[in-house]
Every structure is written in C-alpha cells, then in structure tokens.
Amino acid sequence: MKNICILLLGVLTLVGCSRNRIPQLTEEEKNQIVADARVLLSKYTEQADIPENEWPDSFIRFEPVLVQQSYGSIVIIRYKFVSHESGFMIPRKEGMVLESDQSVGYEKLGDDLYYYWIPNEH
C-alpha cells in the first residue's frame, strides 16, 4: 500500500510540473489566444466561469481546468491545487503591463499575453 501511495504521489507531481511549465508558442498561436480572449471579454463583462462549450480551440489545446473572466482579464487556468495555480492571462486593457509581486508571478509571452503562477507560499 505504501508503494502505491508513493507511486501515485510521484505521478501527481509529474503531472503538476508539466502543467506548470510554460509552453512554447508560435507567434500565430499567441495571436490566436489573444484574439479568442478578446471575443470572450466582449461577451463576459462580469466576473464569471466560462462554460467549457465556449472555450475556443486555442484554449482547449492546453487542457485547462477552468477558464474565467476575472478582474477584467481572461484567465486560462492550466493547473490548480489548493493555494497554487498557473496558466495564461489576457488583460482586457490592451498594452497593460503586469508585474510580479509576492502573491503572483507573470512572464510576458507576447502582446497582451502572460503566463502567471501563484506560488505555494501564497
């Protein structure tokens, strides 16, 4: 039983690590994600979970666990566990600059496209 628990923990860790890794994207893929997010931002003006049947193919490719309109941004959550999560963020305001702080980290991937993570320590 102990070996099964260790094996399961190892598999869950590997899955979490792969979702935490920032994917390599072409310029076309980056532009499509942002364009699709802009369509959703025009439709969802209040904070809301976006139903799976409305997720565009450019999002589905990354196997999100949730897509939300949150605080004026589209958030594509790829990994979520207790206090840690990571994924893509597309701000409503074009040209907005997101900067990392103690509670959330951002890496700019392209115009209006960021990868974010909320660390375990948060």
C-alpha atoms as a PDB file:
ATOM      1  CA  MET A   1       0.000   0.000   0.000  1.00  0.00           C
ATOM      2  CA  LYS A   2       2.857   2.364   0.874  1.00  0.00           C
ATOM      3  CA  ASN A   3       4.447   1.782  -2.554  1.00  0.00           C
ATOM      4  CA  ILE A   4       1.167   2.562  -4.317  1.00  0.00           C
ATOM      5  CA  CYS A   5       0.852   5.851  -2.405  1.00  0.00           C
ATOM      6  CA  ILE A   6       4.433   6.805  -3.281  1.00  0.00           C
ATOM      7  CA  LEU A   7       3.842   5.953  -6.945  1.00  0.00           C
ATOM      8  CA  LEU A   8       0.591   7.943  -7.032  1.00  0.00           C
ATOM      9  CA  LEU A   9       2.268  10.944  -5.391  1.00  0.00           C
ATOM     10  CA  GLY A  10       5.065  10.776  -7.967  1.00  0.00           C
ATOM     11  CA  VAL A  11       2.634  10.692 -10.881  1.00  0.00           C
ATOM     12  CA  LEU A  12       0.637  13.641  -9.495  1.00  0.00           C
ATOM     13  CA  THR A  13       3.852  15.612  -9.028  1.00  0.00           C
ATOM     14  CA  LEU A  14       4.921  14.971 -12.620  1.00  0.00           C
ATOM     15  CA  VAL A  15       1.515  15.993 -13.968  1.00  0.00           C
ATOM     16  CA  GLY A  16       1.616  19.172 -11.913  1.00  0.00           C
ATOM     17  CA  CYS A  17       5.147  20.001 -13.066  1.00  0.00           C
ATOM     18  CA  SER A  18       4.276  19.549 -16.741  1.00  0.00           C
ATOM     19  CA  ARG A  19       1.259  21.858 -16.445  1.00  0.00           C
ATOM     20  CA  ASN A  20       3.392  24.377 -14.552  1.00  0.00           C
ATOM     21  CA  ARG A  21       5.935  24.567 -17.362  1.00  0.00           C
ATOM     22  CA  ILE A  22       5.444  27.485 -19.742  1.00  0.00           C
ATOM     23  CA  PRO A  23       4.583  26.063 -23.170  1.00  0.00           C
ATOM     24  CA  GLN A  24       6.442  27.148 -26.296  1.00  0.00           C
ATOM     25  CA  LEU A  25       4.109  29.039 -28.640  1.00  0.00           C
ATOM     26  CA  THR A  26       4.437  30.370 -32.164  1.00  0.00           C
ATOM     27  CA  GLU A  27       3.514  33.998 -32.857  1.00  0.00           C
ATOM     28  CA  GLU A  28       0.396  32.754 -34.650  1.00  0.00           C
ATOM     29  CA  GLU A  29      -0.678  30.717 -31.589  1.00  0.00           C
ATOM     30  CA  LYS A  30      -0.079  33.688 -29.270  1.00  0.00           C
ATOM     31  CA  ASN A  31      -2.093  35.990 -31.519  1.00  0.00           C
ATOM     32  CA  GLN A  32      -4.956  33.471 -31.747  1.00  0.00           C
ATOM     33  CA  ILE A  33      -5.157  33.045 -27.960  1.00  0.00           C
ATOM     34  CA  VAL A  34      -5.331  36.828 -27.505  1.00  0.00           C
ATOM     35  CA  ALA A  35      -7.902  37.241 -30.304  1.00  0.00           C
ATOM     36  CA  ASP A  36     -10.100  34.485 -28.849  1.00  0.00           C
ATOM     37  CA  ALA A  37      -9.788  36.009 -25.371  1.00  0.00           C
ATOM     38  CA  ARG A  38     -10.877  39.413 -26.722  1.00  0.00           C
ATOM     39  CA  VAL A  39     -14.071  37.798 -28.079  1.00  0.00           C
ATOM     40  CA  LEU A  40     -14.819  36.331 -24.642  1.00  0.00           C
ATOM     41  CA  LEU A  41     -14.015  39.646 -22.929  1.00  0.00           C
ATOM     42  CA  SER A  42     -16.595  41.353 -25.109  1.00  0.00           C
ATOM     43  CA  LYS A  43     -19.183  38.732 -24.137  1.00  0.00           C
ATOM     44  CA  TYR A  44     -18.371  38.355 -20.424  1.00  0.00           C
ATOM     45  CA  THR A  45     -18.238  41.758 -18.778  1.00  0.00           C
ATOM     46  CA  GLU A  46     -18.708  40.493 -15.214  1.00  0.00           C
ATOM     47  CA  GLN A  47     -16.583  38.005 -13.295  1.00  0.00           C
ATOM     48  CA  ALA A  48     -17.701  34.519 -14.327  1.00  0.00           C
ATOM     49  CA  ASP A  49     -16.586  30.990 -15.109  1.00  0.00           C
ATOM     50  CA  ILE A  50     -16.818  30.465 -18.860  1.00  0.00           C
ATOM     51  CA  PRO A  51     -18.605  27.215 -19.821  1.00  0.00           C
ATOM     52  CA  GLU A  52     -16.443  24.569 -21.498  1.00  0.00           C
ATOM     53  CA  ASN A  53     -18.608  24.591 -24.620  1.00  0.00           C
ATOM     54  CA  GLU A  54     -17.476  28.211 -25.207  1.00  0.00           C
ATOM     55  CA  TRP A  55     -13.748  27.545 -24.881  1.00  0.00           C
ATOM     56  CA  PRO A  56     -12.044  28.171 -28.220  1.00  0.00           C
ATOM     57  CA  ASP A  57      -9.717  25.551 -29.715  1.00  0.00           C
ATOM     58  CA  SER A  58      -6.737  27.799 -28.984  1.00  0.00           C
ATOM     59  CA  PHE A  59      -7.515  27.340 -25.255  1.00  0.00           C
ATOM     60  CA  ILE A  60      -8.547  23.659 -25.324  1.00  0.00           C
ATOM     61  CA  ARG A  61      -5.149  22.660 -26.659  1.00  0.00           C
ATOM     62  CA  PHE A  62      -3.685  23.425 -23.208  1.00  0.00           C
ATOM     63  CA  GLU A  63      -6.198  21.263 -21.334  1.00  0.00           C
ATOM     64  CA  PRO A  64      -7.377  23.980 -18.944  1.00  0.00           C
ATOM     65  CA  VAL A  65      -9.114  23.044 -15.724  1.00  0.00           C
ATOM     66  CA  LEU A  66     -11.060  26.316 -15.812  1.00  0.00           C
ATOM     67  CA  VAL A  67     -11.454  29.448 -17.924  1.00  0.00           C
ATOM     68  CA  GLN A  68     -12.703  32.623 -16.233  1.00  0.00           C
ATOM     69  CA  GLN A  69     -13.347  36.281 -16.755  1.00  0.00           C
ATOM     70  CA  SER A  70     -11.663  37.500 -13.626  1.00  0.00           C
ATOM     71  CA  TYR A  71     -10.924  41.096 -12.652  1.00  0.00           C
ATOM     72  CA  GLY A  72     -11.118  42.322 -16.227  1.00  0.00           C
ATOM     73  CA  SER A  73      -8.945  39.560 -17.692  1.00  0.00           C
ATOM     74  CA  ILE A  74      -9.445  36.191 -19.282  1.00  0.00           C
ATOM     75  CA  VAL A  75      -7.668  33.576 -17.196  1.00  0.00           C
ATOM     76  CA  ILE A  76      -6.943  30.133 -18.643  1.00  0.00           C
ATOM     77  CA  ILE A  77      -6.149  28.032 -15.583  1.00  0.00           C
ATOM     78  CA  ARG A  78      -3.979  25.074 -16.555  1.00  0.00           C
ATOM     79  CA  TYR A  79      -3.163  23.871 -13.056  1.00  0.00           C
ATOM     80  CA  LYS A  80      -4.902  24.485  -9.734  1.00  0.00           C
ATOM     81  CA  PHE A  81      -4.160  22.858  -6.411  1.00  0.00           C
ATOM     82  CA  VAL A  82      -5.006  24.353  -3.000  1.00  0.00           C
ATOM     83  CA  SER A  83      -3.070  27.666  -2.985  1.00  0.00           C
ATOM     84  CA  HIS A  84      -1.083  27.129  -6.191  1.00  0.00           C
ATOM     85  CA  GLU A  85      -2.249  27.717  -9.738  1.00  0.00           C
ATOM     86  CA  SER A  86      -0.806  28.649 -13.103  1.00  0.00           C
ATOM     87  CA  GLY A  87      -1.945  29.392 -16.625  1.00  0.00           C
ATOM     88  CA  PHE A  88      -2.432  32.149 -19.173  1.00  0.00           C
ATOM     89  CA  MET A  89      -3.793  35.624 -18.548  1.00  0.00           C
ATOM     90  CA  ILE A  90      -5.015  38.094 -21.166  1.00  0.00           C
ATOM     91  CA  PRO A  91      -5.861  41.535 -19.717  1.00  0.00           C
ATOM     92  CA  ARG A  92      -8.898  43.421 -21.028  1.00  0.00           C
ATOM     93  CA  LYS A  93      -6.902  46.615 -21.464  1.00  0.00           C
ATOM     94  CA  GLU A  94      -4.581  46.306 -24.455  1.00  0.00           C
ATOM     95  CA  GLY A  95      -0.962  47.109 -23.705  1.00  0.00           C
ATOM     96  CA  MET A  96      -1.409  46.640 -19.961  1.00  0.00           C
ATOM     97  CA  VAL A  97       1.803  45.635 -18.181  1.00  0.00           C
ATOM     98  CA  LEU A  98       1.521  43.012 -15.437  1.00  0.00           C
ATOM     99  CA  GLU A  99       4.343  42.850 -12.907  1.00  0.00           C
ATOM    100  CA  SER A 100       5.189  40.053 -10.499  1.00  0.00           C
ATOM    101  CA  ASP A 101       4.917  40.554  -6.762  1.00  0.00           C
ATOM    102  CA  GLN A 102       4.914  38.301  -3.696  1.00  0.00           C
ATOM    103  CA  SER A 103       1.493  36.859  -4.412  1.00  0.00           C
ATOM    104  CA  VAL A 104       1.649  36.253  -8.180  1.00  0.00           C
ATOM    105  CA  GLY A 105       4.325  35.937 -10.847  1.00  0.00           C
ATOM    106  CA  TYR A 106       3.987  36.887 -14.515  1.00  0.00           C
ATOM    107  CA  GLU A 107       6.036  36.176 -17.600  1.00  0.00           C
ATOM    108  CA  LYS A 108       5.173  38.124 -20.731  1.00  0.00           C
ATOM    109  CA  LEU A 109       4.820  35.775 -23.693  1.00  0.00           C
ATOM    110  CA  GLY A 110       3.635  38.290 -26.283  1.00  0.00           C
ATOM    111  CA  ASP A 111       1.489  41.348 -26.798  1.00  0.00           C
ATOM    112  CA  ASP A 112      -1.242  41.130 -24.149  1.00  0.00           C
ATOM    113  CA  LEU A 113      -0.408  37.505 -23.297  1.00  0.00           C
ATOM    114  CA  TYR A 114       1.098  36.479 -19.970  1.00  0.00           C
ATOM    115  CA  TYR A 115       1.823  33.232 -18.194  1.00  0.00           C
ATOM    116  CA  TYR A 116       1.087  33.553 -14.471  1.00  0.00           C
ATOM    117  CA  TRP A 117       1.646  31.465 -11.388  1.00  0.00           C
ATOM    118  CA  ILE A 118       0.545  31.739  -7.797  1.00  0.00           C
ATOM    119  CA  PRO A 119       3.228  30.063  -5.691  1.00  0.00           C
ATOM    120  CA  ASN A 120       2.617  27.578  -2.911  1.00  0.00           C
ATOM    121  CA  GLU A 121       3.839  30.035  -0.288  1.00  0.00           C
ATOM    122  CA  HIS A 122       0.912  32.406  -1.024  1.00  0.00           C
END
